[in-house]
Amino acid sequence: MSDRIKLKDSEATKKWCGTHDVIVHKFSNRDYVYKIDLEYTIGKPFVSDLKIKHPENWKCLLKDILGNDALYHIFLSNLSEPRNGEALTIVKPMNKKEEEMYKQLIA
C-alpha cells in the first residue's frame, strides 16, 4: 500500500490512513487495509471533479472508467446516490405460483 500512495515507511502510511478515514486492520501482528477501501479513498477527488465537469452523465462515465462494479456501487452508496434502478440480485420465480405472481407484478 505504501507504494500505491507513494510513502516509504509504514508509520507514515498509517498516519495517511488515519487522516483519510481508511481503516487499518490487524491480523497476526500485521497491519492491512482492504484494497477497495484504498481505491475508494484515492478515487474520491477524481469522482468529485467528474461530478463538477460532467453533472449530467458523471455516473455513466465513472462506470466506464472504473470497470469495477463493486467500486462503482461503493461510490454511489457513499455519495448517497441512487443505483439507477439497478437491482442487487436477480430474482427468478421458483414455481408456477411465483411465475403467475411475477407476471401480475410486471403487467
PDB file of N, CA and C in Angstrom:
ATOM      1  N   MET A   1       0.816  -1.182   0.000  1.00  0.00           N
ATOM      2  CA  MET A   1       0.000   0.000   0.000  1.00  0.00           C
ATOM      3  C   MET A   1       0.867   1.256   0.000  1.00  0.00           C
ATOM      4  N   SER A   2       1.971   1.201   0.703  1.00  0.00           N
ATOM      5  CA  SER A   2       2.858   2.368   0.747  1.00  0.00           C
ATOM      6  C   SER A   2       3.296   2.778  -0.654  1.00  0.00           C
ATOM      7  N   ASP A   3       3.543   1.791  -1.509  1.00  0.00           N
ATOM      8  CA  ASP A   3       3.927   2.085  -2.892  1.00  0.00           C
ATOM      9  C   ASP A   3       2.807   2.795  -3.633  1.00  0.00           C
ATOM     10  N   ARG A   4       1.582   2.355  -3.399  1.00  0.00           N
ATOM     11  CA  ARG A   4       0.413   2.905  -4.107  1.00  0.00           C
ATOM     12  C   ARG A   4       0.204   4.376  -3.779  1.00  0.00           C
ATOM     13  N   ILE A   5       0.458   4.764  -2.503  1.00  0.00           N
ATOM     14  CA  ILE A   5       0.262   6.164  -2.114  1.00  0.00           C
ATOM     15  C   ILE A   5       1.578   6.937  -2.043  1.00  0.00           C
ATOM     16  N   LYS A   6       2.649   6.297  -2.505  1.00  0.00           N
ATOM     17  CA  LYS A   6       3.972   6.922  -2.632  1.00  0.00           C
ATOM     18  C   LYS A   6       4.560   7.367  -1.286  1.00  0.00           C
ATOM     19  N   LEU A   7       4.416   6.510  -0.266  1.00  0.00           N
ATOM     20  CA  LEU A   7       5.058   6.752   1.019  1.00  0.00           C
ATOM     21  C   LEU A   7       6.036   5.613   1.290  1.00  0.00           C
ATOM     22  N   LYS A   8       7.115   5.923   2.004  1.00  0.00           N
ATOM     23  CA  LYS A   8       8.157   4.917   2.169  1.00  0.00           C
ATOM     24  C   LYS A   8       8.044   4.094   3.434  1.00  0.00           C
ATOM     25  N   ASP A   9       7.605   4.670   4.546  1.00  0.00           N
ATOM     26  CA  ASP A   9       7.568   3.863   5.765  1.00  0.00           C
ATOM     27  C   ASP A   9       6.149   3.600   6.245  1.00  0.00           C
ATOM     28  N   SER A  10       6.022   2.572   7.046  1.00  0.00           N
ATOM     29  CA  SER A  10       4.702   2.117   7.467  1.00  0.00           C
ATOM     30  C   SER A  10       4.026   3.090   8.426  1.00  0.00           C
ATOM     31  N   GLU A  11       4.790   3.814   9.228  1.00  0.00           N
ATOM     32  CA  GLU A  11       4.183   4.779  10.152  1.00  0.00           C
ATOM     33  C   GLU A  11       3.547   5.939   9.386  1.00  0.00           C
ATOM     34  N   ALA A  12       4.214   6.409   8.353  1.00  0.00           N
ATOM     35  CA  ALA A  12       3.644   7.478   7.529  1.00  0.00           C
ATOM     36  C   ALA A  12       2.389   6.981   6.816  1.00  0.00           C
ATOM     37  N   THR A  13       2.410   5.741   6.385  1.00  0.00           N
ATOM     38  CA  THR A  13       1.247   5.155   5.720  1.00  0.00           C
ATOM     39  C   THR A  13       0.074   5.045   6.682  1.00  0.00           C
ATOM     40  N   LYS A  14       0.338   4.597   7.924  1.00  0.00           N
ATOM     41  CA  LYS A  14      -0.728   4.511   8.935  1.00  0.00           C
ATOM     42  C   LYS A  14      -1.300   5.893   9.231  1.00  0.00           C
ATOM     43  N   LYS A  15      -0.438   6.880   9.305  1.00  0.00           N
ATOM     44  CA  LYS A  15      -0.902   8.246   9.560  1.00  0.00           C
ATOM     45  C   LYS A  15      -1.779   8.737   8.409  1.00  0.00           C
ATOM     46  N   TRP A  16      -1.362   8.445   7.175  1.00  0.00           N
ATOM     47  CA  TRP A  16      -2.157   8.821   6.000  1.00  0.00           C
ATOM     48  C   TRP A  16      -3.524   8.153   6.066  1.00  0.00           C
ATOM     49  N   CYS A  17      -3.543   6.888   6.429  1.00  0.00           N
ATOM     50  CA  CYS A  17      -4.811   6.159   6.545  1.00  0.00           C
ATOM     51  C   CYS A  17      -5.718   6.816   7.585  1.00  0.00           C
ATOM     52  N   GLY A  18      -5.141   7.214   8.712  1.00  0.00           N
ATOM     53  CA  GLY A  18      -5.923   7.865   9.757  1.00  0.00           C
ATOM     54  C   GLY A  18      -6.521   9.180   9.307  1.00  0.00           C
ATOM     55  N   THR A  19      -5.756   9.969   8.574  1.00  0.00           N
ATOM     56  CA  THR A  19      -6.264  11.267   8.118  1.00  0.00           C
ATOM     57  C   THR A  19      -7.269  11.132   6.974  1.00  0.00           C
ATOM     58  N   HIS A  20      -7.248   9.994   6.268  1.00  0.00           N
ATOM     59  CA  HIS A  20      -8.161   9.794   5.141  1.00  0.00           C
ATOM     60  C   HIS A  20      -9.263   8.775   5.438  1.00  0.00           C
ATOM     61  N   ASP A  21      -9.449   8.447   6.699  1.00  0.00           N
ATOM     62  CA  ASP A  21     -10.517   7.536   7.140  1.00  0.00           C
ATOM     63  C   ASP A  21     -10.457   6.156   6.483  1.00  0.00           C
ATOM     64  N   VAL A  22      -9.255   5.658   6.281  1.00  0.00           N
ATOM     65  CA  VAL A  22      -9.077   4.291   5.802  1.00  0.00           C
ATOM     66  C   VAL A  22      -8.777   3.434   7.030  1.00  0.00           C
ATOM     67  N   ILE A  23      -9.593   2.442   7.279  1.00  0.00           N
ATOM     68  CA  ILE A  23      -9.425   1.612   8.470  1.00  0.00           C
ATOM     69  C   ILE A  23      -8.257   0.653   8.286  1.00  0.00           C
ATOM     70  N   VAL A  24      -7.368   0.653   9.268  1.00  0.00           N
ATOM     71  CA  VAL A  24      -6.221  -0.266   9.272  1.00  0.00           C
ATOM     72  C   VAL A  24      -6.592  -1.440  10.169  1.00  0.00           C
ATOM     73  N   HIS A  25      -6.574  -2.628   9.613  1.00  0.00           N
ATOM     74  CA  HIS A  25      -6.917  -3.843  10.348  1.00  0.00           C
ATOM     75  C   HIS A  25      -5.640  -4.542  10.795  1.00  0.00           C
ATOM     76  N   LYS A  26      -5.729  -5.243  11.910  1.00  0.00           N
ATOM     77  CA  LYS A  26      -4.587  -6.023  12.397  1.00  0.00           C
ATOM     78  C   LYS A  26      -4.925  -7.502  12.294  1.00  0.00           C
ATOM     79  N   PHE A  27      -3.951  -8.272  11.825  1.00  0.00           N
ATOM     80  CA  PHE A  27      -4.099  -9.713  11.749  1.00  0.00           C
ATOM     81  C   PHE A  27      -2.713 -10.328  11.899  1.00  0.00           C
ATOM     82  N   SER A  28      -2.523 -11.138  12.923  1.00  0.00           N
ATOM     83  CA  SER A  28      -1.225 -11.792  13.183  1.00  0.00           C
ATOM     84  C   SER A  28      -0.063 -10.803  13.192  1.00  0.00           C
ATOM     85  N   ASN A  29      -0.209  -9.779  13.984  1.00  0.00           N
ATOM     86  CA  ASN A  29       0.837  -8.754  14.132  1.00  0.00           C
ATOM     87  C   ASN A  29       1.167  -8.002  12.844  1.00  0.00           C
ATOM     88  N   ARG A  30       0.284  -8.064  11.879  1.00  0.00           N
ATOM     89  CA  ARG A  30       0.485  -7.327  10.627  1.00  0.00           C
ATOM     90  C   ARG A  30      -0.677  -6.366  10.439  1.00  0.00           C
ATOM     91  N   ASP A  31      -0.393  -5.244   9.837  1.00  0.00           N
ATOM     92  CA  ASP A  31      -1.424  -4.269   9.511  1.00  0.00           C
ATOM     93  C   ASP A  31      -1.791  -4.414   8.042  1.00  0.00           C
ATOM     94  N   TYR A  32      -3.073  -4.261   7.765  1.00  0.00           N
ATOM     95  CA  TYR A  32      -3.503  -4.306   6.373  1.00  0.00           C
ATOM     96  C   TYR A  32      -4.755  -3.476   6.195  1.00  0.00           C
ATOM     97  N   VAL A  33      -5.021  -3.089   4.962  1.00  0.00           N
ATOM     98  CA  VAL A  33      -6.255  -2.401   4.601  1.00  0.00           C
ATOM     99  C   VAL A  33      -6.847  -3.134   3.407  1.00  0.00           C
ATOM    100  N   TYR A  34      -8.132  -2.993   3.248  1.00  0.00           N
ATOM    101  CA  TYR A  34      -8.777  -3.596   2.092  1.00  0.00           C
ATOM    102  C   TYR A  34      -8.489  -2.751   0.858  1.00  0.00           C
ATOM    103  N   LYS A  35      -8.173  -3.428  -0.220  1.00  0.00           N
ATOM    104  CA  LYS A  35      -7.829  -2.747  -1.463  1.00  0.00           C
ATOM    105  C   LYS A  35      -8.960  -1.841  -1.930  1.00  0.00           C
ATOM    106  N   ILE A  36     -10.189  -2.292  -1.777  1.00  0.00           N
ATOM    107  CA  ILE A  36     -11.321  -1.497  -2.255  1.00  0.00           C
ATOM    108  C   ILE A  36     -11.474  -0.215  -1.438  1.00  0.00           C
ATOM    109  N   ASP A  37     -11.142  -0.266  -0.130  1.00  0.00           N
ATOM    110  CA  ASP A  37     -11.169   0.955   0.688  1.00  0.00           C
ATOM    111  C   ASP A  37     -10.117   1.942   0.209  1.00  0.00           C
ATOM    112  N   LEU A  38      -8.945   1.435  -0.100  1.00  0.00           N
ATOM    113  CA  LEU A  38      -7.867   2.290  -0.591  1.00  0.00           C
ATOM    114  C   LEU A  38      -8.233   2.909  -1.938  1.00  0.00           C
ATOM    115  N   GLU A  39      -8.740   2.103  -2.859  1.00  0.00           N
ATOM    116  CA  GLU A  39      -9.107   2.609  -4.189  1.00  0.00           C
ATOM    117  C   GLU A  39     -10.221   3.647  -4.090  1.00  0.00           C
ATOM    118  N   TYR A  40     -11.173   3.421  -3.193  1.00  0.00           N
ATOM    119  CA  TYR A  40     -12.251   4.395  -2.989  1.00  0.00           C
ATOM    120  C   TYR A  40     -11.674   5.723  -2.506  1.00  0.00           C
ATOM    121  N   THR A  41     -10.803   5.658  -1.501  1.00  0.00           N
ATOM    122  CA  THR A  41     -10.233   6.879  -0.924  1.00  0.00           C
ATOM    123  C   THR A  41      -9.388   7.637  -1.940  1.00  0.00           C
ATOM    124  N   ILE A  42      -8.595   6.912  -2.706  1.00  0.00           N
ATOM    125  CA  ILE A  42      -7.761   7.558  -3.719  1.00  0.00           C
ATOM    126  C   ILE A  42      -8.627   8.163  -4.829  1.00  0.00           C
ATOM    127  N   GLY A  43      -9.750   7.527  -5.145  1.00  0.00           N
ATOM    128  CA  GLY A  43     -10.594   7.982  -6.243  1.00  0.00           C
ATOM    129  C   GLY A  43     -11.576   9.087  -5.905  1.00  0.00           C
ATOM    130  N   LYS A  44     -11.789   9.382  -4.613  1.00  0.00           N
ATOM    131  CA  LYS A  44     -12.778  10.402  -4.230  1.00  0.00           C
ATOM    132  C   LYS A  44     -12.565  11.750  -4.902  1.00  0.00           C
ATOM    133  N   PRO A  45     -11.349  12.303  -4.918  1.00  0.00           N
ATOM    134  CA  PRO A  45     -11.177  13.605  -5.585  1.00  0.00           C
ATOM    135  C   PRO A  45     -11.499  13.546  -7.082  1.00  0.00           C
ATOM    136  N   PHE A  46     -11.124  12.454  -7.721  1.00  0.00           N
ATOM    137  CA  PHE A  46     -11.426  12.296  -9.148  1.00  0.00           C
ATOM    138  C   PHE A  46     -12.934  12.296  -9.388  1.00  0.00           C
ATOM    139  N   VAL A  47     -13.668  11.577  -8.550  1.00  0.00           N
ATOM    140  CA  VAL A  47     -15.121  11.498  -8.709  1.00  0.00           C
ATOM    141  C   VAL A  47     -15.759  12.861  -8.454  1.00  0.00           C
ATOM    142  N   SER A  48     -15.263  13.595  -7.466  1.00  0.00           N
ATOM    143  CA  SER A  48     -15.789  14.945  -7.206  1.00  0.00           C
ATOM    144  C   SER A  48     -15.587  15.842  -8.415  1.00  0.00           C
ATOM    145  N   ASP A  49     -14.406  15.778  -9.019  1.00  0.00           N
ATOM    146  CA  ASP A  49     -14.138  16.567 -10.228  1.00  0.00           C
ATOM    147  C   ASP A  49     -15.034  16.121 -11.388  1.00  0.00           C
ATOM    148  N   LEU A  50     -15.225  14.828 -11.513  1.00  0.00           N
ATOM    149  CA  LEU A  50     -16.072  14.288 -12.580  1.00  0.00           C
ATOM    150  C   LEU A  50     -17.508  14.789 -12.434  1.00  0.00           C
ATOM    151  N   LYS A  51     -18.004  14.848 -11.204  1.00  0.00           N
ATOM    152  CA  LYS A  51     -19.363  15.352 -10.959  1.00  0.00           C
ATOM    153  C   LYS A  51     -19.495  16.819 -11.352  1.00  0.00           C
ATOM    154  N   ILE A  52     -18.433  17.587 -11.120  1.00  0.00           N
ATOM    155  CA  ILE A  52     -18.459  19.012 -11.452  1.00  0.00           C
ATOM    156  C   ILE A  52     -18.358  19.214 -12.965  1.00  0.00           C
ATOM    157  N   LYS A  53     -17.459  18.486 -13.603  1.00  0.00           N
ATOM    158  CA  LYS A  53     -17.225  18.663 -15.044  1.00  0.00           C
ATOM    159  C   LYS A  53     -18.347  18.095 -15.898  1.00  0.00           C
ATOM    160  N   HIS A  54     -18.960  17.002 -15.442  1.00  0.00           N
ATOM    161  CA  HIS A  54     -19.994  16.327 -16.230  1.00  0.00           C
ATOM    162  C   HIS A  54     -21.214  16.023 -15.350  1.00  0.00           C
ATOM    163  N   PRO A  55     -21.948  17.050 -14.914  1.00  0.00           N
ATOM    164  CA  PRO A  55     -23.045  16.816 -13.967  1.00  0.00           C
ATOM    165  C   PRO A  55     -24.177  15.949 -14.519  1.00  0.00           C
ATOM    166  N   GLU A  56     -24.355  15.926 -15.814  1.00  0.00           N
ATOM    167  CA  GLU A  56     -25.462  15.171 -16.404  1.00  0.00           C
ATOM    168  C   GLU A  56     -25.170  13.675 -16.534  1.00  0.00           C
ATOM    169  N   ASN A  57     -23.930  13.312 -16.816  1.00  0.00           N
ATOM    170  CA  ASN A  57     -23.644  11.899 -17.101  1.00  0.00           C
ATOM    171  C   ASN A  57     -22.412  11.370 -16.373  1.00  0.00           C
ATOM    172  N   TRP A  58     -22.099  11.928 -15.214  1.00  0.00           N
ATOM    173  CA  TRP A  58     -20.898  11.504 -14.491  1.00  0.00           C
ATOM    174  C   TRP A  58     -20.974  10.046 -14.056  1.00  0.00           C
ATOM    175  N   LYS A  59     -22.180   9.546 -13.761  1.00  0.00           N
ATOM    176  CA  LYS A  59     -22.310   8.155 -13.321  1.00  0.00           C
ATOM    177  C   LYS A  59     -21.942   7.187 -14.444  1.00  0.00           C
ATOM    178  N   CYS A  60     -22.420   7.466 -15.639  1.00  0.00           N
ATOM    179  CA  CYS A  60     -22.086   6.604 -16.782  1.00  0.00           C
ATOM    180  C   CYS A  60     -20.589   6.644 -17.065  1.00  0.00           C
ATOM    181  N   LEU A  61     -20.021   7.838 -17.016  1.00  0.00           N
ATOM    182  CA  LEU A  61     -18.582   7.961 -17.247  1.00  0.00           C
ATOM    183  C   LEU A  61     -17.786   7.217 -16.183  1.00  0.00           C
ATOM    184  N   LEU A  62     -18.197   7.361 -14.927  1.00  0.00           N
ATOM    185  CA  LEU A  62     -17.492   6.689 -13.836  1.00  0.00           C
ATOM    186  C   LEU A  62     -17.541   5.178 -13.992  1.00  0.00           C
ATOM    187  N   LYS A  63     -18.707   4.664 -14.342  1.00  0.00           N
ATOM    188  CA  LYS A  63     -18.843   3.219 -14.517  1.00  0.00           C
ATOM    189  C   LYS A  63     -17.932   2.715 -15.634  1.00  0.00           C
ATOM    190  N   ASP A  64     -17.875   3.466 -16.732  1.00  0.00           N
ATOM    191  CA  ASP A  64     -16.999   3.083 -17.849  1.00  0.00           C
ATOM    192  C   ASP A  64     -15.525   3.164 -17.468  1.00  0.00           C
ATOM    193  N   ILE A  65     -15.149   4.199 -16.741  1.00  0.00           N
ATOM    194  CA  ILE A  65     -13.753   4.405 -16.368  1.00  0.00           C
ATOM    195  C   ILE A  65     -13.296   3.341 -15.380  1.00  0.00           C
ATOM    196  N   LEU A  66     -14.117   3.067 -14.357  1.00  0.00           N
ATOM    197  CA  LEU A  66     -13.706   2.129 -13.309  1.00  0.00           C
ATOM    198  C   LEU A  66     -13.622   0.695 -13.806  1.00  0.00           C
ATOM    199  N   GLY A  67     -14.628   0.272 -14.552  1.00  0.00           N
ATOM    200  CA  GLY A  67     -14.655  -1.114 -14.991  1.00  0.00           C
ATOM    201  C   GLY A  67     -14.773  -2.094 -13.836  1.00  0.00           C
ATOM    202  N   ASN A  68     -15.192  -1.599 -12.675  1.00  0.00           N
ATOM    203  CA  ASN A  68     -15.314  -2.415 -11.469  1.00  0.00           C
ATOM    204  C   ASN A  68     -16.651  -2.076 -10.827  1.00  0.00           C
ATOM    205  N   ASP A  69     -17.633  -2.952 -10.993  1.00  0.00           N
ATOM    206  CA  ASP A  69     -18.971  -2.659 -10.481  1.00  0.00           C
ATOM    207  C   ASP A  69     -18.990  -2.484  -8.969  1.00  0.00           C
ATOM    208  N   ALA A  70     -18.197  -3.258  -8.241  1.00  0.00           N
ATOM    209  CA  ALA A  70     -18.192  -3.152  -6.783  1.00  0.00           C
ATOM    210  C   ALA A  70     -17.742  -1.755  -6.355  1.00  0.00           C
ATOM    211  N   LEU A  71     -16.656  -1.268  -6.919  1.00  0.00           N
ATOM    212  CA  LEU A  71     -16.153   0.057  -6.574  1.00  0.00           C
ATOM    213  C   LEU A  71     -17.131   1.141  -7.015  1.00  0.00           C
ATOM    214  N   TYR A  72     -17.710   0.976  -8.182  1.00  0.00           N
ATOM    215  CA  TYR A  72     -18.714   1.928  -8.680  1.00  0.00           C
ATOM    216  C   TYR A  72     -19.878   2.037  -7.703  1.00  0.00           C
ATOM    217  N   HIS A  73     -20.384   0.907  -7.225  1.00  0.00           N
ATOM    218  CA  HIS A  73     -21.522   0.923  -6.310  1.00  0.00           C
ATOM    219  C   HIS A  73     -21.137   1.454  -4.934  1.00  0.00           C
ATOM    220  N   ILE A  74     -19.897   1.283  -4.534  1.00  0.00           N
ATOM    221  CA  ILE A  74     -19.441   1.882  -3.274  1.00  0.00           C
ATOM    222  C   ILE A  74     -19.435   3.401  -3.405  1.00  0.00           C
ATOM    223  N   PHE A  75     -18.964   3.913  -4.536  1.00  0.00           N
ATOM    224  CA  PHE A  75     -19.007   5.360  -4.744  1.00  0.00           C
ATOM    225  C   PHE A  75     -20.442   5.865  -4.681  1.00  0.00           C
ATOM    226  N   LEU A  76     -21.351   5.211  -5.373  1.00  0.00           N
ATOM    227  CA  LEU A  76     -22.739   5.657  -5.357  1.00  0.00           C
ATOM    228  C   LEU A  76     -23.322   5.610  -3.954  1.00  0.00           C
ATOM    229  N   SER A  77     -23.051   4.534  -3.244  1.00  0.00           N
ATOM    230  CA  SER A  77     -23.574   4.378  -1.890  1.00  0.00           C
ATOM    231  C   SER A  77     -23.026   5.444  -0.950  1.00  0.00           C
ATOM    232  N   ASN A  78     -21.747   5.668  -0.974  1.00  0.00           N
ATOM    233  CA  ASN A  78     -21.134   6.652  -0.079  1.00  0.00           C
ATOM    234  C   ASN A  78     -21.470   8.082  -0.450  1.00  0.00           C
ATOM    235  N   LEU A  79     -21.847   8.309  -1.685  1.00  0.00           N
ATOM    236  CA  LEU A  79     -22.264   9.641  -2.116  1.00  0.00           C
ATOM    237  C   LEU A  79     -23.779   9.805  -2.025  1.00  0.00           C
ATOM    238  N   SER A  80     -24.454   8.803  -1.442  1.00  0.00           N
ATOM    239  CA  SER A  80     -25.915   8.797  -1.285  1.00  0.00           C
ATOM    240  C   SER A  80     -26.633   8.997  -2.611  1.00  0.00           C
ATOM    241  N   GLU A  81     -26.134   8.353  -3.615  1.00  0.00           N
ATOM    242  CA  GLU A  81     -26.722   8.424  -4.946  1.00  0.00           C
ATOM    243  C   GLU A  81     -27.550   7.167  -5.200  1.00  0.00           C
ATOM    244  N   PRO A  82     -28.652   7.300  -5.926  1.00  0.00           N
ATOM    245  CA  PRO A  82     -29.415   6.097  -6.279  1.00  0.00           C
ATOM    246  C   PRO A  82     -28.633   5.220  -7.246  1.00  0.00           C
ATOM    247  N   ARG A  83     -28.983   3.950  -7.265  1.00  0.00           N
ATOM    248  CA  ARG A  83     -28.274   2.970  -8.096  1.00  0.00           C
ATOM    249  C   ARG A  83     -28.816   2.905  -9.524  1.00  0.00           C
ATOM    250  N   ASN A  84     -29.489   3.916  -9.987  1.00  0.00           N
ATOM    251  CA  ASN A  84     -30.047   3.953 -11.348  1.00  0.00           C
ATOM    252  C   ASN A  84     -31.038   2.823 -11.587  1.00  0.00           C
ATOM    253  N   GLY A  85     -31.766   2.445 -10.556  1.00  0.00           N
ATOM    254  CA  GLY A  85     -32.774   1.401 -10.704  1.00  0.00           C
ATOM    255  C   GLY A  85     -32.207   0.008 -10.836  1.00  0.00           C
ATOM    256  N   GLU A  86     -30.934  -0.173 -10.591  1.00  0.00           N
ATOM    257  CA  GLU A  86     -30.314  -1.483 -10.719  1.00  0.00           C
ATOM    258  C   GLU A  86     -30.585  -2.314  -9.469  1.00  0.00           C
ATOM    259  N   ALA A  87     -30.962  -3.537  -9.672  1.00  0.00           N
ATOM    260  CA  ALA A  87     -31.217  -4.436  -8.553  1.00  0.00           C
ATOM    261  C   ALA A  87     -29.911  -5.013  -8.036  1.00  0.00           C
ATOM    262  N   LEU A  88     -29.902  -5.382  -6.754  1.00  0.00           N
ATOM    263  CA  LEU A  88     -28.717  -6.017  -6.189  1.00  0.00           C
ATOM    264  C   LEU A  88     -28.605  -7.468  -6.648  1.00  0.00           C
ATOM    265  N   THR A  89     -29.749  -8.137  -6.785  1.00  0.00           N
ATOM    266  CA  THR A  89     -29.755  -9.523  -7.232  1.00  0.00           C
ATOM    267  C   THR A  89     -30.869  -9.726  -8.244  1.00  0.00           C
ATOM    268  N   ILE A  90     -30.764 -10.776  -8.987  1.00  0.00           N
ATOM    269  CA  ILE A  90     -31.807 -11.134  -9.940  1.00  0.00           C
ATOM    270  C   ILE A  90     -32.690 -12.187  -9.278  1.00  0.00           C
ATOM    271  N   VAL A  91     -33.977 -11.898  -9.231  1.00  0.00           N
ATOM    272  CA  VAL A  91     -34.919 -12.815  -8.607  1.00  0.00           C
ATOM    273  C   VAL A  91     -35.639 -13.586  -9.700  1.00  0.00           C
ATOM    274  N   LYS A  92     -35.612 -14.904  -9.577  1.00  0.00           N
ATOM    275  CA  LYS A  92     -36.289 -15.752 -10.557  1.00  0.00           C
ATOM    276  C   LYS A  92     -37.372 -16.553  -9.852  1.00  0.00           C
ATOM    277  N   PRO A  93     -38.529 -16.674 -10.494  1.00  0.00           N
ATOM    278  CA  PRO A  93     -39.603 -17.477  -9.901  1.00  0.00           C
ATOM    279  C   PRO A  93     -39.178 -18.940  -9.768  1.00  0.00           C
ATOM    280  N   MET A  94     -39.567 -19.546  -8.623  1.00  0.00           N
ATOM    281  CA  MET A  94     -39.164 -20.925  -8.350  1.00  0.00           C
ATOM    282  C   MET A  94     -40.245 -21.937  -8.747  1.00  0.00           C
ATOM    283  N   ASN A  95     -41.498 -21.486  -8.832  1.00  0.00           N
ATOM    284  CA  ASN A  95     -42.581 -22.407  -9.164  1.00  0.00           C
ATOM    285  C   ASN A  95     -43.655 -21.666  -9.959  1.00  0.00           C
ATOM    286  N   LYS A  96     -44.697 -22.377 -10.328  1.00  0.00           N
ATOM    287  CA  LYS A  96     -45.773 -21.828 -11.157  1.00  0.00           C
ATOM    288  C   LYS A  96     -46.463 -20.645 -10.472  1.00  0.00           C
ATOM    289  N   LYS A  97     -46.728 -20.803  -9.171  1.00  0.00           N
ATOM    290  CA  LYS A  97     -47.424 -19.751  -8.428  1.00  0.00           C
ATOM    291  C   LYS A  97     -46.614 -18.454  -8.437  1.00  0.00           C
ATOM    292  N   GLU A  98     -45.315 -18.570  -8.228  1.00  0.00           N
ATOM    293  CA  GLU A  98     -44.448 -17.397  -8.238  1.00  0.00           C
ATOM    294  C   GLU A  98     -44.356 -16.790  -9.638  1.00  0.00           C
ATOM    295  N   GLU A  99     -44.355 -17.616 -10.673  1.00  0.00           N
ATOM    296  CA  GLU A  99     -44.350 -17.112 -12.046  1.00  0.00           C
ATOM    297  C   GLU A  99     -45.599 -16.283 -12.327  1.00  0.00           C
ATOM    298  N   GLU A 100     -46.747 -16.766 -11.875  1.00  0.00           N
ATOM    299  CA  GLU A 100     -48.003 -16.031 -12.076  1.00  0.00           C
ATOM    300  C   GLU A 100     -47.975 -14.704 -11.320  1.00  0.00           C
ATOM    301  N   MET A 101     -47.460 -14.737 -10.098  1.00  0.00           N
ATOM    302  CA  MET A 101     -47.373 -13.513  -9.308  1.00  0.00           C
ATOM    303  C   MET A 101     -46.430 -12.513  -9.981  1.00  0.00           C
ATOM    304  N   TYR A 102     -45.326 -13.002 -10.502  1.00  0.00           N
ATOM    305  CA  TYR A 102     -44.368 -12.152 -11.194  1.00  0.00           C
ATOM    306  C   TYR A 102     -45.002 -11.507 -12.425  1.00  0.00           C
ATOM    307  N   LYS A 103     -45.762 -12.272 -13.191  1.00  0.00           N
ATOM    308  CA  LYS A 103     -46.436 -11.729 -14.383  1.00  0.00           C
ATOM    309  C   LYS A 103     -47.428 -10.643 -14.003  1.00  0.00           C
ATOM    310  N   GLN A 104     -48.125 -10.840 -12.878  1.00  0.00           N
ATOM    311  CA  GLN A 104     -49.082  -9.838 -12.409  1.00  0.00           C
ATOM    312  C   GLN A 104     -48.360  -8.553 -12.011  1.00  0.00           C
ATOM    313  N   LEU A 105     -47.228  -8.704 -11.367  1.00  0.00           N
ATOM    314  CA  LEU A 105     -46.500  -7.530 -10.911  1.00  0.00           C
ATOM    315  C   LEU A 105     -45.928  -6.700 -12.042  1.00  0.00           C
ATOM    316  N   ILE A 106     -45.483  -7.346 -13.103  1.00  0.00           N
ATOM    317  CA  ILE A 106     -44.876  -6.582 -14.193  1.00  0.00           C
ATOM    318  C   ILE A 106     -45.898  -6.128 -15.244  1.00  0.00           C
ATOM    319  N   ALA A 107     -47.127  -6.586 -15.114  1.00  0.00           N
ATOM    320  CA  ALA A 107     -48.167  -6.216 -16.078  1.00  0.00           C
ATOM    321  C   ALA A 107     -48.651  -4.795 -15.857  1.00  0.00           C
TER     322      ALA A 107
END
